[in-house]
Amino acid sequence: ILKPGAGLDQSLLQSTETALSTSSMEEVILNFVPLNIIQAMVEQNMIQVIIFSLFFGLALSLIKHEKKNQLFLDMISSFNHILIKMVSMIMKLAPIGIFGLVASLVEDTGIRVLGMLASFLLTLAAASLLFLFLWFLLTSLYCKVSLFRLIKNMWRLSVISFTTTSSAVSLPFQIEDGKERFGISDRINKLVMPLGMTLNSNGLSLFLALAIVTVAQAYQIQLSWGDLLQVVLLSSLACLGTIVVPGGGLVTLATVLPMLGLPNESIALLAGIDWFSGMFRTLLNVDPDVTVALIVAHDEGELDRAVFNGEKAPVKLAEKITDGV
């Protein structure tokens, strides 16, 4: 409706043959199942890689519990830490690369491209605020708590996630606020929050879908309702177990665009404002994690409403140790 990518002169873009890959719904569903996982990885077919990873992870978890053997799991975990560390190191140099991308982009396409970027950011901001308001409203109604109190309790965490643009950095504050501001039990708090950090990426999913639509509009590609449905499904699936450091959205976007027939070069259009879009992505990734934990605690009867309403302070770990001594 807002068309953030429309109106960009085609002569300003690189001459790339671009056409959205179209297929029937049956082909889309069948394409979820990998015939050869190595080929799927080589072709960057992320949906097939994700589906394989889900079954692989499930089998790995079952073996861990049945055979009491987690040697391979520890190897994968260590390798994952190495990759995250590599990405973190690379992202420290990202501002220099992004400056070069934007400078080159403005030189090639003109100052008019900045209007499209501003329109994209405004659309992302409006969608993020709308999503948060509706989700907070549904959560307050379901858990029978005050909407205004929910927003007040969420304020500190929202500021932290918005300014750090990192779900990993926000996690300790999520766990702390979950107990001391929302009254969520430790059992629920320490289970749901870490899982939500990697599996509940609402902001990234919204960003990917909006970025795909923006790029398609920039290249004057008309998206049908079927295409939009595929974009939503792909954006949601691509967010499972994503990188939780600043700049991770561009890594995921680079894997999604080729699957829809859109050029990876178009990432340069959005790379220059990635830090600003990351603010809204992280906000939508972090805040709903707490509300999900709140819903689970409500269902399990482990929500201390007196703490949530600010009527009493929770007993902190330091106080428990002092009392024990």
Protein backbone atom coordinates (compact mmCIF):
# COMPACT_ATOMS: atom_id res chain seq x y z
CA ILE A 1 0.00 0.00 0.00
CA LEU A 2 2.73 2.49 0.96
CA LYS A 3 5.03 1.38 -1.93
CA PRO A 4 8.40 2.29 -0.37
CA GLY A 5 10.33 1.05 -3.41
CA ALA A 6 8.17 2.62 -6.12
CA GLY A 7 9.14 5.68 -8.11
CA LEU A 8 12.84 4.88 -8.45
CA ASP A 9 14.05 5.57 -11.98
CA GLN A 10 15.01 2.27 -13.62
CA SER A 11 17.93 3.95 -15.36
CA LEU A 12 19.46 4.52 -11.94
CA LEU A 13 19.64 0.79 -11.20
CA GLN A 14 22.22 -1.60 -12.53
CA SER A 15 21.17 -3.27 -15.75
CA THR A 16 20.30 -6.67 -14.40
CA GLU A 17 17.84 -9.09 -15.91
CA THR A 18 15.39 -9.57 -13.06
CA ALA A 19 12.23 -11.60 -12.96
CA LEU A 20 10.42 -13.01 -9.96
CA SER A 21 10.57 -16.79 -9.90
CA THR A 22 7.00 -18.03 -10.19
CA SER A 23 5.70 -21.50 -9.36
CA SER A 24 2.46 -23.15 -8.37
CA MET A 25 1.54 -23.70 -4.72
CA GLU A 26 2.13 -27.45 -5.14
CA GLU A 27 5.65 -26.79 -6.44
CA VAL A 28 6.31 -24.37 -3.59
CA ILE A 29 5.34 -26.98 -0.98
CA LEU A 30 7.28 -29.79 -2.68
CA ASN A 31 10.30 -27.51 -2.94
CA PHE A 32 10.43 -27.43 0.86
CA VAL A 33 11.67 -31.05 0.89
CA PRO A 34 15.36 -31.51 -0.03
CA LEU A 35 16.30 -34.33 -2.39
CA ASN A 36 20.01 -33.71 -1.86
CA ILE A 37 21.04 -31.58 1.11
CA ILE A 38 24.52 -30.89 -0.33
CA GLN A 39 22.97 -29.62 -3.56
CA ALA A 40 20.50 -27.51 -1.54
CA MET A 41 23.39 -25.85 0.31
CA VAL A 42 25.35 -25.26 -2.90
CA GLU A 43 22.28 -23.69 -4.54
CA GLN A 44 21.54 -21.65 -1.39
CA ASN A 45 18.03 -23.14 -1.13
CA MET A 46 17.52 -22.01 2.45
CA ILE A 47 14.04 -23.47 2.90
CA GLN A 48 15.34 -26.97 2.18
CA VAL A 49 18.36 -26.37 4.43
CA ILE A 50 16.08 -25.19 7.25
CA ILE A 51 13.73 -28.19 6.89
CA PHE A 52 16.71 -30.58 6.91
CA SER A 53 18.19 -28.77 9.93
CA LEU A 54 14.92 -29.11 11.86
CA PHE A 55 14.83 -32.88 11.38
CA PHE A 56 18.58 -33.17 11.97
CA GLY A 57 18.28 -31.20 15.22
CA LEU A 58 15.32 -33.30 16.35
CA ALA A 59 17.23 -36.53 15.70
CA LEU A 60 20.28 -35.11 17.48
CA SER A 61 18.15 -34.22 20.50
CA LEU A 62 16.59 -37.70 20.64
CA ILE A 63 20.01 -39.37 20.48
CA LYS A 64 21.22 -37.11 23.27
CA HIS A 65 18.41 -38.27 25.56
CA GLU A 66 18.26 -41.91 24.44
CA LYS A 67 21.97 -42.67 24.13
CA LYS A 68 23.23 -40.05 26.62
CA ASN A 69 25.73 -38.98 23.98
CA GLN A 70 26.16 -35.35 23.02
CA LEU A 71 29.69 -35.36 21.59
CA PHE A 72 28.53 -34.34 18.10
CA LEU A 73 26.16 -31.76 19.61
CA ASP A 74 29.07 -30.17 21.48
CA MET A 75 31.08 -30.06 18.23
CA ILE A 76 28.23 -28.29 16.42
CA SER A 77 27.79 -25.87 19.32
CA SER A 78 31.50 -25.03 19.30
CA PHE A 79 31.46 -24.53 15.52
CA ASN A 80 28.43 -22.26 15.89
CA HIS A 81 30.26 -20.12 18.45
CA ILE A 82 33.19 -19.82 16.03
CA LEU A 83 30.91 -18.66 13.21
CA ILE A 84 29.16 -16.11 15.42
CA LYS A 85 32.54 -14.78 16.57
CA MET A 86 33.67 -14.48 12.93
CA VAL A 87 30.52 -12.57 12.01
CA SER A 88 30.99 -10.28 15.04
CA MET A 89 34.56 -9.53 13.95
CA ILE A 90 33.49 -8.86 10.37
CA MET A 91 30.64 -6.60 11.49
CA LYS A 92 33.16 -4.33 13.22
CA LEU A 93 34.46 -3.50 9.75
CA ALA A 94 30.97 -3.31 8.28
CA PRO A 95 30.56 0.50 8.75
CA ILE A 96 33.53 1.08 6.42
CA GLY A 97 32.09 -1.26 3.81
CA ILE A 98 28.61 0.22 4.17
CA PHE A 99 30.01 3.73 3.71
CA GLY A 100 31.65 2.56 0.49
CA LEU A 101 28.42 0.92 -0.67
CA VAL A 102 26.33 4.01 0.00
CA ALA A 103 28.90 6.36 -1.56
CA SER A 104 29.06 4.21 -4.68
CA LEU A 105 25.28 3.85 -4.73
CA VAL A 106 24.67 7.59 -4.47
CA GLU A 107 27.29 8.22 -7.16
CA ASP A 108 25.69 5.72 -9.54
CA THR A 109 22.02 6.31 -8.79
CA GLY A 110 21.91 9.90 -7.56
CA ILE A 111 20.62 11.48 -4.38
CA ARG A 112 17.06 10.41 -5.23
CA VAL A 113 17.72 6.92 -3.86
CA LEU A 114 17.86 8.42 -0.33
CA GLY A 115 14.16 9.24 -0.60
CA MET A 116 13.41 5.56 -1.17
CA LEU A 117 15.52 4.60 1.86
CA ALA A 118 13.70 7.12 4.05
CA SER A 119 10.37 5.76 2.82
CA PHE A 120 11.51 2.22 3.64
CA LEU A 121 12.51 3.20 7.19
CA LEU A 122 9.25 5.04 7.81
CA THR A 123 7.26 2.04 6.56
CA LEU A 124 9.29 -0.32 8.77
CA ALA A 125 8.81 1.97 11.79
CA ALA A 126 5.04 2.25 11.24
CA ALA A 127 4.66 -1.51 10.77
CA SER A 128 6.76 -2.22 13.88
CA LEU A 129 4.74 0.10 16.12
CA LEU A 130 1.46 -1.27 14.76
CA PHE A 131 2.60 -4.85 15.35
CA LEU A 132 3.76 -4.11 18.91
CA PHE A 133 0.55 -2.31 19.86
CA LEU A 134 -1.71 -5.09 18.54
CA TRP A 135 0.44 -7.83 20.11
CA PHE A 136 0.61 -6.05 23.48
CA LEU A 137 -3.16 -5.59 23.36
CA LEU A 138 -3.76 -9.29 22.65
CA THR A 139 -1.29 -10.30 25.38
CA SER A 140 -2.92 -8.03 27.98
CA LEU A 141 -6.37 -9.38 27.13
CA TYR A 142 -5.24 -13.01 27.21
CA CYS A 143 -3.25 -12.71 30.45
CA LYS A 144 -5.82 -10.35 32.04
CA VAL A 145 -3.24 -7.68 32.89
CA SER A 146 -3.18 -3.93 32.36
CA LEU A 147 -2.01 -2.85 28.91
CA PHE A 148 -0.50 0.36 30.31
CA ARG A 149 1.35 -1.58 33.02
CA LEU A 150 2.64 -4.01 30.38
CA ILE A 151 4.03 -1.13 28.31
CA LYS A 152 5.53 0.51 31.41
CA ASN A 153 7.27 -2.69 32.50
CA MET A 154 8.59 -3.17 28.96
CA TRP A 155 10.01 0.34 28.64
CA ARG A 156 13.57 -0.30 29.92
CA LEU A 157 14.00 -3.42 27.81
CA SER A 158 12.65 -1.63 24.74
CA VAL A 159 15.25 1.13 25.12
CA ILE A 160 18.07 -1.40 25.56
CA SER A 161 17.08 -3.49 22.53
CA PHE A 162 16.48 -0.41 20.38
CA THR A 163 19.88 1.13 21.12
CA THR A 164 22.07 -2.00 21.12
CA THR A 165 20.38 -3.63 18.06
CA SER A 166 21.40 -7.03 19.45
CA SER A 167 19.11 -9.72 20.83
CA ALA A 168 22.12 -11.45 22.42
CA VAL A 169 23.08 -8.32 24.37
CA SER A 170 19.46 -7.86 25.47
CA LEU A 171 19.03 -11.44 26.73
CA PRO A 172 20.42 -10.91 30.29
CA PHE A 173 18.11 -7.91 30.71
CA GLN A 174 15.19 -9.96 29.39
CA ILE A 175 15.75 -12.61 32.05
CA GLU A 176 16.23 -10.00 34.78
CA ASP A 177 13.14 -7.97 33.84
CA GLY A 178 11.11 -11.14 33.29
CA LYS A 179 11.51 -11.96 36.98
CA GLU A 180 11.77 -8.54 38.63
CA ARG A 181 9.29 -6.52 36.56
CA PHE A 182 6.89 -9.10 35.11
CA GLY A 183 6.80 -11.69 37.89
CA ILE A 184 7.61 -14.64 35.62
CA SER A 185 8.96 -17.69 37.45
CA ASP A 186 12.58 -18.74 36.95
CA ARG A 187 11.49 -22.07 35.45
CA ILE A 188 9.60 -20.34 32.64
CA ASN A 189 11.93 -17.35 32.41
CA LYS A 190 15.16 -19.25 31.80
CA LEU A 191 13.59 -21.66 29.32
CA VAL A 192 11.51 -19.38 27.11
CA MET A 193 13.82 -16.35 26.86
CA PRO A 194 16.89 -18.11 25.34
CA LEU A 195 14.68 -20.09 22.95
CA GLY A 196 12.88 -16.93 21.90
CA MET A 197 16.17 -15.17 21.18
CA THR A 198 16.89 -17.48 18.23
CA LEU A 199 13.46 -18.78 17.23
CA ASN A 200 11.12 -15.81 17.72
CA SER A 201 12.45 -13.24 15.24
CA ASN A 202 9.36 -11.17 14.50
CA GLY A 203 11.36 -8.09 13.55
CA LEU A 204 13.65 -9.91 11.14
CA SER A 205 10.71 -11.63 9.47
CA LEU A 206 8.96 -8.29 9.00
CA PHE A 207 12.17 -6.72 7.68
CA LEU A 208 12.77 -9.50 5.15
CA ALA A 209 9.22 -9.37 3.81
CA LEU A 210 9.29 -5.58 3.54
CA ALA A 211 12.77 -5.60 1.96
CA ILE A 212 11.68 -8.13 -0.69
CA VAL A 213 8.59 -6.08 -1.55
CA THR A 214 10.67 -2.88 -1.67
CA VAL A 215 13.28 -4.40 -3.99
CA ALA A 216 10.56 -5.84 -6.24
CA GLN A 217 8.92 -2.41 -6.46
CA ALA A 218 12.27 -0.77 -7.21
CA TYR A 219 12.69 -3.15 -10.16
CA GLN A 220 9.02 -2.64 -11.14
CA ILE A 221 8.05 -6.26 -10.52
CA GLN A 222 4.40 -6.83 -9.73
CA LEU A 223 3.79 -9.25 -6.84
CA SER A 224 0.63 -11.37 -6.89
CA TRP A 225 -1.14 -12.55 -3.74
CA GLY A 226 0.50 -15.95 -4.24
CA ASP A 227 3.91 -14.30 -4.44
CA LEU A 228 3.20 -12.33 -1.26
CA LEU A 229 2.18 -15.54 0.54
CA GLN A 230 5.42 -17.17 -0.54
CA VAL A 231 7.35 -14.10 0.67
CA VAL A 232 5.70 -14.31 4.10
CA LEU A 233 6.34 -18.07 4.44
CA LEU A 234 9.94 -17.74 3.28
CA SER A 235 10.61 -14.76 5.54
CA SER A 236 9.21 -16.63 8.55
CA LEU A 237 11.13 -19.86 7.89
CA ALA A 238 14.39 -18.04 7.17
CA CYS A 239 14.30 -16.51 10.67
CA LEU A 240 14.64 -19.82 12.51
CA GLY A 241 17.99 -19.87 14.31
CA THR A 242 19.35 -16.70 12.72
CA ILE A 243 22.38 -14.62 13.71
CA VAL A 244 21.61 -12.49 16.77
CA VAL A 245 24.32 -9.85 16.29
CA PRO A 246 24.03 -6.45 14.56
CA GLY A 247 24.04 -6.85 10.78
CA GLY A 248 22.65 -10.38 10.83
CA GLY A 249 19.63 -9.22 8.85
CA LEU A 250 21.75 -8.54 5.76
CA VAL A 251 23.22 -12.05 5.97
CA THR A 252 19.73 -13.56 6.01
CA LEU A 253 18.52 -11.23 3.27
CA ALA A 254 21.39 -12.38 1.04
CA THR A 255 20.11 -15.95 1.29
CA VAL A 256 16.45 -15.10 0.66
CA LEU A 257 16.63 -12.76 -2.35
CA PRO A 258 18.15 -15.28 -4.84
CA MET A 259 15.40 -17.80 -4.04
CA LEU A 260 12.84 -15.33 -5.40
CA GLY A 261 14.86 -14.43 -8.47
CA LEU A 262 15.90 -11.02 -7.16
CA PRO A 263 19.54 -9.91 -7.51
CA ASN A 264 21.83 -9.90 -4.47
CA GLU A 265 23.20 -6.57 -5.73
CA SER A 266 19.97 -4.95 -4.54
CA ILE A 267 21.13 -5.47 -0.95
CA ALA A 268 23.32 -2.41 -1.52
CA LEU A 269 20.12 -0.36 -1.63
CA LEU A 270 19.38 -1.22 2.00
CA ALA A 271 22.85 -1.84 3.46
CA GLY A 272 23.46 1.82 4.19
CA ILE A 273 20.52 2.04 6.61
CA ASP A 274 20.94 -1.42 8.14
CA TRP A 275 21.85 -0.02 11.58
CA PHE A 276 18.67 2.05 11.69
CA SER A 277 16.45 -0.77 10.44
CA GLY A 278 18.21 -3.04 12.95
CA MET A 279 16.83 -0.89 15.76
CA PHE A 280 13.25 -1.76 14.83
CA ARG A 281 14.13 -5.39 14.03
CA THR A 282 15.65 -5.92 17.46
CA LEU A 283 12.76 -4.19 19.21
CA LEU A 284 10.31 -6.60 17.57
CA ASN A 285 12.57 -9.56 18.26
CA VAL A 286 13.08 -8.85 21.98
CA ASP A 287 9.80 -7.45 23.35
CA PRO A 288 7.56 -10.30 22.07
CA ASP A 289 9.94 -12.83 23.69
CA VAL A 290 8.96 -11.42 27.08
CA THR A 291 5.25 -11.45 26.22
CA VAL A 292 5.49 -15.08 25.10
CA ALA A 293 7.12 -15.96 28.44
CA LEU A 294 4.34 -13.98 30.13
CA ILE A 295 1.69 -16.01 28.28
CA VAL A 296 3.36 -19.31 29.17
CA ALA A 297 3.67 -18.26 32.83
CA HIS A 298 -0.02 -17.30 32.83
CA ASP A 299 -1.00 -20.70 31.40
CA GLU A 300 1.20 -22.55 33.90
CA GLY A 301 0.02 -20.52 36.89
CA GLU A 302 3.55 -19.22 37.50
CA LEU A 303 2.89 -15.49 37.03
CA ASP A 304 3.29 -13.35 40.16
CA ARG A 305 0.75 -10.60 39.49
CA ALA A 306 1.80 -8.63 42.56
CA VAL A 307 5.29 -8.23 41.08
CA PHE A 308 3.83 -7.41 37.66
CA ASN A 309 1.63 -4.68 39.15
CA GLY A 310 4.52 -3.28 41.21
CA GLU A 311 2.80 -4.14 44.51
CA LYS A 312 5.83 -6.05 45.82
CA ALA A 313 9.46 -6.47 44.92
CA PRO A 314 10.73 -9.96 44.02
CA VAL A 315 13.22 -11.72 46.27
CA LYS A 316 16.58 -11.36 44.56
CA LEU A 317 19.28 -14.02 44.55
CA ALA A 318 21.61 -11.97 46.76
CA GLU A 319 18.88 -11.63 49.39
CA LYS A 320 18.25 -15.40 49.36
CA ILE A 321 21.95 -16.08 49.99
CA THR A 322 22.04 -13.56 52.86
CA ASP A 323 18.94 -15.10 54.46
CA GLY A 324 20.44 -18.57 54.13
CA VAL A 325 23.64 -17.52 55.85
